[in-house]
Amino acid sequence: MGARLLAALVLAAILGGCGGNRTGDPGSTTAAPTTDADSTTTSGSAATTVPGGSTSSSAPVPTTAAVTTSSTATTLLPSTTTTTDSSPLRPDGSPRALPEPTGEPGALPASAVPWSEVDASWTLLRTEENLVLLAPDDTLYLVAGGATVHDWAPGGRRVLVEQDGGLLVVDLASGAVEGPIVFPAEGYGRARFTRPTGRDVVVATQRLDRSRLEVLRTDGISYALITDHEVPPELRMWYAVTWVYGLDGMSVTLADSEGIRRHTNRGELLWSLPSPGLGCRVLRWWTADTLLVACTDRGYAEQHPEMPPDFGWRVWSVPLDGSPARALSPSTDEGAYGGVLDGLRVGTKVIIAHAGCCYCGSTVLIDGILQDDPFLTCLQDLIGLRNGKALAVASDQQTGQYLVEIDAGGAVRVVTPDLAVLQAFSFADLGAP
């Protein structure tokens, strides 16, 4: 009897030493495996392959000393998880949805942008490698890496960028992304934000034989089809659809092979406007109730029937109420190669920029007079009004392409002497406020 009791006590001691709480069992204080929201690294037990092709489960390596709770049970503290920052912004304040910026001389980081101060007096610049914000005092802020930008929304925070064949709306301040938006038809595509807030996106697709203009929500769903029609063969050299969105958000005014006309923001035709010339294109809002329109002068076209539509351009102010248009530039073929880019009024002077050959003569007229400043013989685009002057992208034909200001007398100031600029954007809509 004594021998049996002794044997039983020995067996109980052996079983007790092998028991206790085990990792993963109910009642264990070890955390179960979890996966971080933006990481593929999993904490907890990991499967380990051992020779022979079998796998065994190994306990995680503790990051601190083991905590002993009894002589027979040991509990390990949870191991740390490898994490990835899931913030939509990088540490420098740039949005992760756009390429990482590479650095520009003298530019502050995106985290330094005073977003509450950004308004229509600011400008967005695209360089070879970056997107840069320009403040009214010429301070530069590096907000993102290079991207193909279609437009910059009113308010200054959101950009419309092309990516993987579609469009995305990226908030430069928060990093939030809307989209994608897919071009609804084949052909050359252009897109701009609606007004006054940039809530939706207007997308134009143009082929030689067809024009289409549609308003899409930022999730890609169609809001309204404004126009979609075939272009007659005899007009295909002359017309491409151009438009401006109503400043109150309630209308769209466009020009194409069917003339200049105003539609509601749902696509219903309101009325047609008289066309002052041939092949008219809507350039911008001139005032709150007039459009800036460029057309080939009818008299020039009659006298030079052999010339293509890119010659003989004239710029007009066209009232929305159907009143007669008023010419803002003389009818001339001199310096008018490639059509008209844009126009602005600085003080009492009207500045008109033509697209043309940088080595063929001036591309800028101020009150009808051709300008001879080196930058004004190779102007790439008029952007808008800034600090009472016209803002433009222009080349000096020697060292590069820059952002410049043009005053009423034709004097030019290079705004970004250390920054080569490919494009610039403004949401100051009026050309003659």
Protein backbone atom coordinates (compact mmCIF):
# COMPACT_ATOMS: atom_id res chain seq x y z
CA MET A 1 0.00 0.00 0.00
CA GLY A 2 2.81 2.39 0.91
CA ALA A 3 4.62 1.60 -2.36
CA ARG A 4 1.43 2.26 -4.44
CA LEU A 5 0.89 5.62 -2.67
CA LEU A 6 4.48 6.65 -3.29
CA ALA A 7 4.19 5.76 -7.00
CA ALA A 8 0.98 7.76 -7.35
CA LEU A 9 2.56 10.83 -5.75
CA VAL A 10 5.56 10.63 -8.10
CA LEU A 11 3.28 10.35 -11.19
CA ALA A 12 1.19 13.37 -10.09
CA ALA A 13 4.31 15.45 -9.63
CA ILE A 14 5.49 14.58 -13.13
CA LEU A 15 2.11 15.47 -14.73
CA GLY A 16 1.90 18.72 -12.74
CA GLY A 17 5.31 19.83 -14.01
CA CYS A 18 4.15 19.41 -17.64
CA GLY A 19 0.85 21.32 -17.23
CA GLY A 20 -0.11 25.01 -16.74
CA ASN A 21 -1.42 27.59 -19.20
CA ARG A 22 0.01 27.15 -22.74
CA THR A 23 0.37 29.89 -25.36
CA GLY A 24 -2.82 30.09 -27.42
CA ASP A 25 -4.94 28.09 -25.02
CA PRO A 26 -8.07 29.55 -23.48
CA GLY A 27 -7.03 31.55 -20.46
CA SER A 28 -3.60 32.41 -21.86
CA THR A 29 -2.56 36.07 -21.62
CA THR A 30 -0.63 35.96 -24.88
CA ALA A 31 -2.29 38.06 -27.64
CA ALA A 32 -3.67 36.29 -30.67
CA PRO A 33 -2.04 37.02 -34.07
CA THR A 34 -3.16 40.31 -35.63
CA THR A 35 -2.50 42.04 -38.93
CA ASP A 36 -1.86 45.82 -39.14
CA ALA A 37 -4.21 47.65 -41.50
CA ASP A 38 -1.39 48.78 -43.84
CA SER A 39 1.19 46.08 -43.28
CA THR A 40 1.70 42.51 -44.45
CA THR A 41 3.75 41.56 -41.38
CA THR A 42 1.76 39.41 -38.91
CA SER A 43 2.51 39.25 -35.20
CA GLY A 44 2.03 36.16 -33.02
CA SER A 45 3.12 32.64 -33.91
CA ALA A 46 4.81 32.04 -37.21
CA ALA A 47 5.03 28.86 -39.27
CA THR A 48 8.59 27.62 -39.68
CA THR A 49 9.65 25.06 -42.28
CA VAL A 50 11.88 22.33 -40.85
CA PRO A 51 14.03 19.81 -42.72
CA GLY A 52 11.93 17.15 -44.34
CA GLY A 53 9.25 19.59 -45.57
CA SER A 54 7.11 19.65 -42.42
CA THR A 55 6.17 22.82 -40.59
CA SER A 56 6.06 23.57 -36.92
CA SER A 57 4.61 26.46 -35.00
CA SER A 58 7.20 28.49 -33.11
CA ALA A 59 6.36 30.95 -30.39
CA PRO A 60 7.16 34.63 -31.04
CA VAL A 61 10.42 35.99 -29.77
CA PRO A 62 9.66 38.13 -26.72
CA THR A 63 10.73 41.75 -26.88
CA THR A 64 11.05 42.04 -23.09
CA ALA A 65 11.92 39.68 -20.28
CA ALA A 66 9.48 36.87 -19.55
CA VAL A 67 7.05 37.42 -16.70
CA THR A 68 6.81 34.39 -14.37
CA THR A 69 3.38 33.95 -12.84
CA SER A 70 3.98 30.62 -11.07
CA SER A 71 6.50 27.87 -10.77
CA THR A 72 4.74 25.98 -13.53
CA ALA A 73 3.37 28.73 -15.94
CA THR A 74 5.27 31.32 -17.95
CA THR A 75 3.45 34.08 -19.96
CA LEU A 76 5.24 36.10 -22.66
CA LEU A 77 4.47 39.77 -23.35
CA PRO A 78 2.97 40.38 -26.81
CA SER A 79 5.61 40.95 -29.49
CA THR A 80 5.71 44.23 -31.43
CA THR A 81 4.18 44.41 -34.93
CA THR A 82 6.01 45.81 -37.95
CA THR A 83 3.81 48.72 -39.09
CA THR A 84 3.63 51.04 -42.07
CA ASP A 85 2.41 54.64 -41.73
CA SER A 86 -1.09 54.61 -43.24
CA SER A 87 -1.42 58.41 -43.30
CA PRO A 88 -2.36 59.80 -46.73
CA LEU A 89 0.41 62.38 -46.27
CA ARG A 90 4.16 61.83 -46.11
CA PRO A 91 6.18 63.34 -43.26
CA ASP A 92 6.97 66.34 -45.51
CA GLY A 93 3.22 66.97 -45.99
CA SER A 94 3.04 65.79 -49.63
CA PRO A 95 0.19 63.41 -50.63
CA ARG A 96 1.13 59.76 -51.03
CA ALA A 97 -1.27 59.46 -53.99
CA LEU A 98 1.16 61.54 -56.07
CA PRO A 99 4.85 60.91 -56.76
CA GLU A 100 7.26 61.94 -54.04
CA PRO A 101 8.78 65.39 -54.57
CA THR A 102 12.47 65.55 -55.43
CA GLY A 103 13.37 69.01 -54.17
CA GLU A 104 13.42 72.48 -55.73
CA PRO A 105 15.84 75.32 -54.88
CA GLY A 106 14.42 77.62 -52.24
CA ALA A 107 11.07 75.82 -51.90
CA LEU A 108 9.52 75.12 -48.49
CA PRO A 109 7.95 71.71 -47.78
CA ALA A 110 4.24 71.02 -48.24
CA SER A 111 3.79 70.88 -44.47
CA ALA A 112 4.56 74.61 -44.33
CA VAL A 113 1.72 75.67 -46.69
CA PRO A 114 -0.78 77.97 -44.89
CA TRP A 115 -3.77 76.31 -46.54
CA SER A 116 -6.30 78.68 -44.96
CA GLU A 117 -4.63 81.55 -46.85
CA VAL A 118 -4.57 79.91 -50.30
CA ASP A 119 -6.90 81.78 -52.65
CA ALA A 120 -7.09 83.01 -56.24
CA SER A 121 -3.93 85.09 -55.77
CA TRP A 122 -1.88 81.88 -55.54
CA THR A 123 -0.58 79.86 -58.50
CA LEU A 124 0.13 76.17 -59.01
CA LEU A 125 3.24 75.39 -61.06
CA ARG A 126 4.30 72.18 -62.76
CA THR A 127 8.02 71.68 -63.30
CA GLU A 128 9.80 68.75 -64.88
CA GLU A 129 9.73 66.83 -61.60
CA ASN A 130 7.38 68.53 -59.12
CA LEU A 131 4.21 70.45 -58.35
CA VAL A 132 4.96 73.76 -56.62
CA LEU A 133 2.65 76.35 -55.03
CA LEU A 134 3.52 80.01 -55.55
CA ALA A 135 2.32 82.51 -52.94
CA PRO A 136 1.56 86.17 -53.79
CA ASP A 137 4.91 87.18 -52.20
CA ASP A 138 6.78 84.69 -54.49
CA THR A 139 7.35 82.12 -51.71
CA LEU A 140 7.52 78.60 -53.17
CA TYR A 141 6.11 75.44 -51.55
CA LEU A 142 6.98 71.97 -52.81
CA VAL A 143 3.65 70.13 -52.58
CA ALA A 144 4.10 66.96 -54.70
CA GLY A 145 6.20 65.16 -57.26
CA GLY A 146 5.58 65.45 -60.97
CA ALA A 147 2.13 64.64 -62.33
CA THR A 148 0.06 65.31 -65.46
CA VAL A 149 -2.31 68.02 -64.26
CA HIS A 150 -5.53 68.93 -66.09
CA ASP A 151 -6.83 71.55 -63.66
CA TRP A 152 -6.61 73.10 -60.21
CA ALA A 153 -9.88 73.51 -58.34
CA PRO A 154 -11.25 76.71 -56.80
CA GLY A 155 -10.11 76.84 -53.19
CA GLY A 156 -6.60 75.73 -54.08
CA ARG A 157 -6.53 72.33 -52.39
CA ARG A 158 -7.57 69.85 -55.08
CA VAL A 159 -5.89 68.95 -58.36
CA LEU A 160 -7.21 66.91 -61.28
CA VAL A 161 -4.44 64.60 -62.44
CA GLU A 162 -4.20 61.97 -65.14
CA GLN A 163 -3.03 58.56 -63.96
CA ASP A 164 -3.13 55.15 -65.67
CA GLY A 165 -5.38 56.41 -68.44
CA GLY A 166 -7.96 57.92 -66.10
CA LEU A 167 -8.37 60.92 -63.82
CA LEU A 168 -7.98 61.28 -60.08
CA VAL A 169 -8.88 64.19 -57.81
CA VAL A 170 -6.21 64.57 -55.13
CA ASP A 171 -6.48 66.91 -52.14
CA LEU A 172 -3.01 68.43 -51.73
CA ALA A 173 -3.72 69.42 -48.14
CA SER A 174 -5.23 66.21 -46.74
CA GLY A 175 -4.03 63.60 -49.24
CA ALA A 176 -7.60 62.38 -49.84
CA VAL A 177 -8.29 60.84 -53.26
CA GLU A 178 -11.48 60.79 -55.35
CA GLY A 179 -11.97 58.74 -58.51
CA PRO A 180 -10.97 57.23 -60.77
CA ILE A 181 -12.76 59.01 -63.60
CA VAL A 182 -12.54 57.29 -66.98
CA PHE A 183 -12.73 59.32 -70.18
CA PRO A 184 -16.21 58.41 -71.49
CA ALA A 185 -15.26 58.19 -75.17
CA GLU A 186 -12.29 57.64 -77.43
CA GLY A 187 -10.35 60.61 -78.70
CA TYR A 188 -8.25 63.42 -77.33
CA GLY A 189 -9.42 64.18 -73.79
CA ARG A 190 -9.40 67.39 -71.78
CA ALA A 191 -10.94 67.98 -68.38
CA ARG A 192 -11.62 70.84 -65.98
CA PHE A 193 -13.37 71.36 -62.68
CA THR A 194 -16.82 72.88 -62.55
CA ARG A 195 -17.48 76.25 -60.95
CA PRO A 196 -17.85 77.78 -58.43
CA THR A 197 -16.52 75.06 -56.09
CA GLY A 198 -15.06 72.37 -58.36
CA ARG A 199 -17.52 69.75 -57.12
CA ASP A 200 -17.68 67.94 -60.49
CA VAL A 201 -15.51 67.54 -63.57
CA VAL A 202 -16.25 68.52 -67.18
CA VAL A 203 -14.65 66.13 -69.68
CA ALA A 204 -14.32 66.85 -73.41
CA THR A 205 -13.41 64.16 -75.90
CA GLN A 206 -12.67 65.26 -79.44
CA ARG A 207 -12.20 63.34 -82.64
CA LEU A 208 -12.10 64.77 -86.12
CA ASP A 209 -15.62 63.50 -86.73
CA ARG A 210 -17.21 63.94 -83.30
CA SER A 211 -17.45 66.33 -80.32
CA ARG A 212 -18.58 65.29 -76.86
CA LEU A 213 -18.82 67.24 -73.61
CA GLU A 214 -19.99 65.61 -70.38
CA VAL A 215 -20.12 66.49 -66.69
CA LEU A 216 -18.98 63.67 -64.41
CA ARG A 217 -19.02 63.36 -60.65
CA THR A 218 -15.68 62.66 -59.01
CA ASP A 219 -16.66 59.00 -58.56
CA GLY A 220 -16.89 58.72 -62.36
CA ILE A 221 -20.70 58.62 -62.56
CA SER A 222 -22.22 60.82 -65.27
CA TYR A 223 -24.03 63.92 -64.04
CA ALA A 224 -25.07 65.36 -67.42
CA LEU A 225 -24.29 64.96 -71.11
CA ILE A 226 -23.99 68.50 -72.51
CA THR A 227 -23.37 67.68 -76.17
CA ASP A 228 -22.46 64.70 -78.33
CA HIS A 229 -22.69 65.17 -82.09
CA GLU A 230 -20.99 64.45 -85.39
CA VAL A 231 -18.83 67.14 -86.99
CA PRO A 232 -19.54 67.60 -90.72
CA PRO A 233 -16.53 66.79 -92.94
CA GLU A 234 -16.22 70.36 -94.25
CA LEU A 235 -15.87 71.72 -90.68
CA ARG A 236 -13.46 69.21 -89.18
CA MET A 237 -10.41 71.42 -89.78
CA TRP A 238 -12.05 74.36 -88.05
CA TYR A 239 -13.68 73.26 -84.84
CA ALA A 240 -12.78 71.68 -81.52
CA VAL A 241 -15.15 71.87 -78.57
CA THR A 242 -14.20 74.55 -76.01
CA TRP A 243 -16.21 75.70 -73.00
CA VAL A 244 -16.47 77.64 -69.75
CA TYR A 245 -18.59 76.56 -66.80
CA GLY A 246 -21.01 79.10 -65.38
CA LEU A 247 -19.57 81.07 -62.49
CA ASP A 248 -22.74 80.29 -60.51
CA GLY A 249 -22.53 76.59 -61.41
CA MET A 250 -25.86 76.60 -63.27
CA SER A 251 -24.78 76.70 -66.93
CA VAL A 252 -22.18 75.71 -69.51
CA THR A 253 -21.29 77.91 -72.50
CA LEU A 254 -19.49 76.17 -75.34
CA ALA A 255 -18.33 76.61 -78.89
CA ASP A 256 -18.04 73.89 -81.51
CA SER A 257 -19.11 73.16 -85.08
CA GLU A 258 -22.71 74.03 -84.16
CA GLY A 259 -21.80 77.54 -83.00
CA ILE A 260 -21.63 79.31 -79.63
CA ARG A 261 -24.45 78.40 -77.28
CA ARG A 262 -25.42 78.26 -73.66
CA HIS A 263 -26.78 75.15 -71.93
CA THR A 264 -28.02 74.43 -68.45
CA ASN A 265 -25.71 72.34 -66.28
CA ARG A 266 -28.01 69.40 -67.13
CA GLY A 267 -27.50 69.85 -70.88
CA GLU A 268 -30.70 71.61 -71.97
CA LEU A 269 -30.11 74.31 -74.59
CA LEU A 270 -30.88 77.81 -73.30
CA TRP A 271 -29.97 79.94 -76.33
CA SER A 272 -27.41 80.38 -79.10
CA LEU A 273 -25.07 83.35 -79.34
CA PRO A 274 -24.01 85.08 -82.58
CA SER A 275 -20.58 83.95 -83.79
CA PRO A 276 -18.38 86.92 -84.75
CA GLY A 277 -16.15 84.78 -87.00
CA LEU A 278 -15.31 81.26 -88.17
CA GLY A 279 -14.06 78.39 -86.05
CA CYS A 280 -14.78 80.25 -82.81
CA ARG A 281 -13.32 79.04 -79.52
CA VAL A 282 -14.33 80.10 -76.03
CA LEU A 283 -11.14 81.09 -74.18
CA ARG A 284 -12.32 82.28 -70.75
CA TRP A 285 -14.70 84.50 -68.87
CA TRP A 286 -13.87 88.13 -69.73
CA THR A 287 -16.22 89.71 -67.22
CA ALA A 288 -19.02 88.14 -65.17
CA ASP A 289 -21.43 88.46 -68.13
CA THR A 290 -19.17 88.39 -71.20
CA LEU A 291 -16.97 85.74 -72.81
CA LEU A 292 -13.54 86.04 -74.40
CA VAL A 293 -13.85 84.33 -77.78
CA ALA A 294 -11.30 83.85 -80.56
CA CYS A 295 -12.39 83.34 -84.18
CA THR A 296 -10.84 83.52 -87.62
CA ASP A 297 -11.87 86.83 -89.16
CA ARG A 298 -14.42 86.27 -91.93
CA GLY A 299 -12.86 88.93 -94.16
CA TYR A 300 -9.44 87.34 -93.80
CA ALA A 301 -10.82 83.89 -94.63
CA GLU A 302 -12.50 85.26 -97.77
CA GLN A 303 -9.30 86.98 -98.93
CA HIS A 304 -7.08 83.98 -98.12
CA PRO A 305 -9.12 80.85 -98.90
CA GLU A 306 -5.94 78.84 -99.27
CA MET A 307 -4.83 79.49 -95.68
CA PRO A 308 -5.57 76.99 -92.88
CA PRO A 309 -7.79 77.97 -89.92
CA ASP A 310 -4.78 78.78 -87.71
CA PHE A 311 -4.28 82.16 -89.39
CA GLY A 312 -6.23 85.42 -89.36
CA TRP A 313 -7.40 85.19 -85.76
CA ARG A 314 -9.21 87.95 -83.96
CA VAL A 315 -10.36 88.17 -80.32
CA TRP A 316 -13.83 89.30 -79.30
CA SER A 317 -15.80 90.09 -76.18
CA VAL A 318 -19.15 88.28 -76.56
CA PRO A 319 -22.02 89.24 -74.20
CA LEU A 320 -24.11 86.39 -72.81
CA ASP A 321 -27.36 88.24 -73.55
CA GLY A 322 -26.84 88.02 -77.30
CA SER A 323 -25.76 91.64 -77.79
CA PRO A 324 -23.27 92.32 -80.62
CA ALA A 325 -19.69 91.16 -80.00
CA ARG A 326 -16.91 93.73 -79.63
CA ALA A 327 -13.50 93.19 -81.25
CA LEU A 328 -10.58 93.40 -78.81
CA SER A 329 -7.78 92.91 -81.34
CA PRO A 330 -7.19 93.97 -84.94
CA SER A 331 -7.66 91.53 -87.80
CA THR A 332 -4.15 90.52 -88.70
CA ASP A 333 -2.15 87.52 -89.77
CA GLU A 334 1.09 88.98 -88.46
CA GLY A 335 2.19 87.15 -85.32
CA ALA A 336 -0.99 85.14 -85.27
CA TYR A 337 0.47 81.75 -86.07
CA GLY A 338 -1.24 78.80 -84.46
CA GLY A 339 -4.35 80.57 -83.23
CA VAL A 340 -5.00 82.51 -80.03
CA LEU A 341 -4.01 81.17 -76.62
CA ASP A 342 -5.69 83.66 -74.32
CA GLY A 343 -6.26 87.29 -73.44
CA LEU A 344 -6.15 89.45 -70.32
CA ARG A 345 -6.73 93.10 -69.49
CA VAL A 346 -4.08 94.84 -67.40
CA GLY A 347 -5.29 98.28 -66.43
CA THR A 348 -6.71 99.65 -69.66
CA LYS A 349 -4.48 97.54 -71.89
CA VAL A 350 -5.58 94.31 -73.57
CA ILE A 351 -2.88 91.65 -73.82
CA ILE A 352 -3.45 88.96 -76.44
CA ALA A 353 -1.18 85.90 -76.74
CA HIS A 354 -0.94 83.84 -79.91
CA ALA A 355 0.39 80.32 -80.21
CA GLY A 356 3.21 80.38 -82.70
CA CYS A 357 6.79 79.87 -83.70
CA CYS A 358 9.27 81.29 -81.19
CA TYR A 359 11.67 82.23 -83.99
CA CYS A 360 9.07 83.72 -86.33
CA GLY A 361 8.32 86.95 -84.48
CA SER A 362 6.25 88.22 -81.58
CA THR A 363 3.43 86.16 -80.15
CA VAL A 364 2.09 88.93 -77.86
CA LEU A 365 0.09 92.01 -78.74
CA ILE A 366 -0.72 94.78 -76.27
CA ASP A 367 -3.58 96.91 -77.58
CA GLY A 368 -2.80 95.53 -81.04
CA ILE A 369 0.92 96.37 -80.97
CA LEU A 370 3.40 93.52 -81.34
CA GLN A 371 5.94 93.29 -78.49
CA ASP A 372 9.67 92.69 -78.95
CA ASP A 373 10.80 91.55 -75.50
CA PRO A 374 12.59 88.16 -75.88
CA PHE A 375 10.10 86.50 -73.54
CA LEU A 376 7.16 87.92 -75.47
CA THR A 377 8.38 86.44 -78.74
CA CYS A 378 8.17 82.97 -77.21
CA LEU A 379 5.23 83.02 -74.84
CA GLN A 380 3.74 79.60 -74.17
CA ASP A 381 0.58 80.47 -72.25
CA LEU A 382 -1.26 83.27 -70.48
CA ILE A 383 -2.36 82.09 -67.03
CA GLY A 384 -4.33 84.86 -65.34
CA LEU A 385 -3.98 88.09 -63.39
CA ARG A 386 -1.64 88.32 -60.42
CA ASN A 387 -0.69 91.41 -58.44
CA GLY A 388 -2.26 93.62 -61.13
CA LYS A 389 -0.17 92.09 -63.93
CA ALA A 390 -0.58 89.33 -66.50
CA LEU A 391 0.97 86.02 -65.50
CA ALA A 392 2.47 83.88 -68.27
CA VAL A 393 4.75 80.96 -69.01
CA ALA A 394 7.42 82.07 -71.47
CA SER A 395 10.90 81.20 -72.71
CA ASP A 396 13.86 83.49 -73.22
CA GLN A 397 14.92 81.10 -76.02
CA GLN A 398 18.31 80.62 -74.40
CA THR A 399 18.31 79.40 -70.81
CA GLY A 400 14.83 77.99 -70.29
CA GLN A 401 11.12 78.49 -69.69
CA TYR A 402 9.93 80.49 -66.71
CA LEU A 403 6.96 82.10 -65.04
CA VAL A 404 6.84 85.82 -65.86
CA GLU A 405 4.69 88.86 -65.09
CA ILE A 406 3.82 91.37 -67.81
CA ASP A 407 2.73 94.90 -66.96
CA ALA A 408 0.56 97.21 -69.05
CA GLY A 409 3.62 98.70 -70.74
CA GLY A 410 5.03 95.35 -71.83
CA ALA A 411 7.78 95.19 -69.19
CA VAL A 412 8.56 91.64 -68.09
CA ARG A 413 9.65 90.36 -64.67
CA VAL A 414 10.82 86.79 -64.27
CA VAL A 415 9.02 85.46 -61.19
CA THR A 416 10.87 82.13 -60.98
CA PRO A 417 14.47 82.70 -62.16
CA ASP A 418 15.64 79.47 -60.48
CA LEU A 419 12.66 77.34 -61.46
CA ALA A 420 11.96 76.02 -64.96
CA VAL A 421 8.17 75.96 -65.37
CA LEU A 422 6.28 73.73 -67.82
CA GLN A 423 2.71 74.69 -66.84
CA ALA A 424 0.94 77.06 -64.49
CA PHE A 425 -2.65 77.08 -63.18
CA SER A 426 -4.87 79.76 -61.70
CA PHE A 427 -8.51 79.65 -60.65
CA ALA A 428 -8.95 83.40 -61.04
CA ASP A 429 -11.47 83.04 -63.85
CA LEU A 430 -12.04 86.61 -65.08
CA GLY A 431 -9.73 88.12 -67.68
CA ALA A 432 -10.97 91.65 -67.11
CA PRO A 433 -12.38 91.90 -63.59
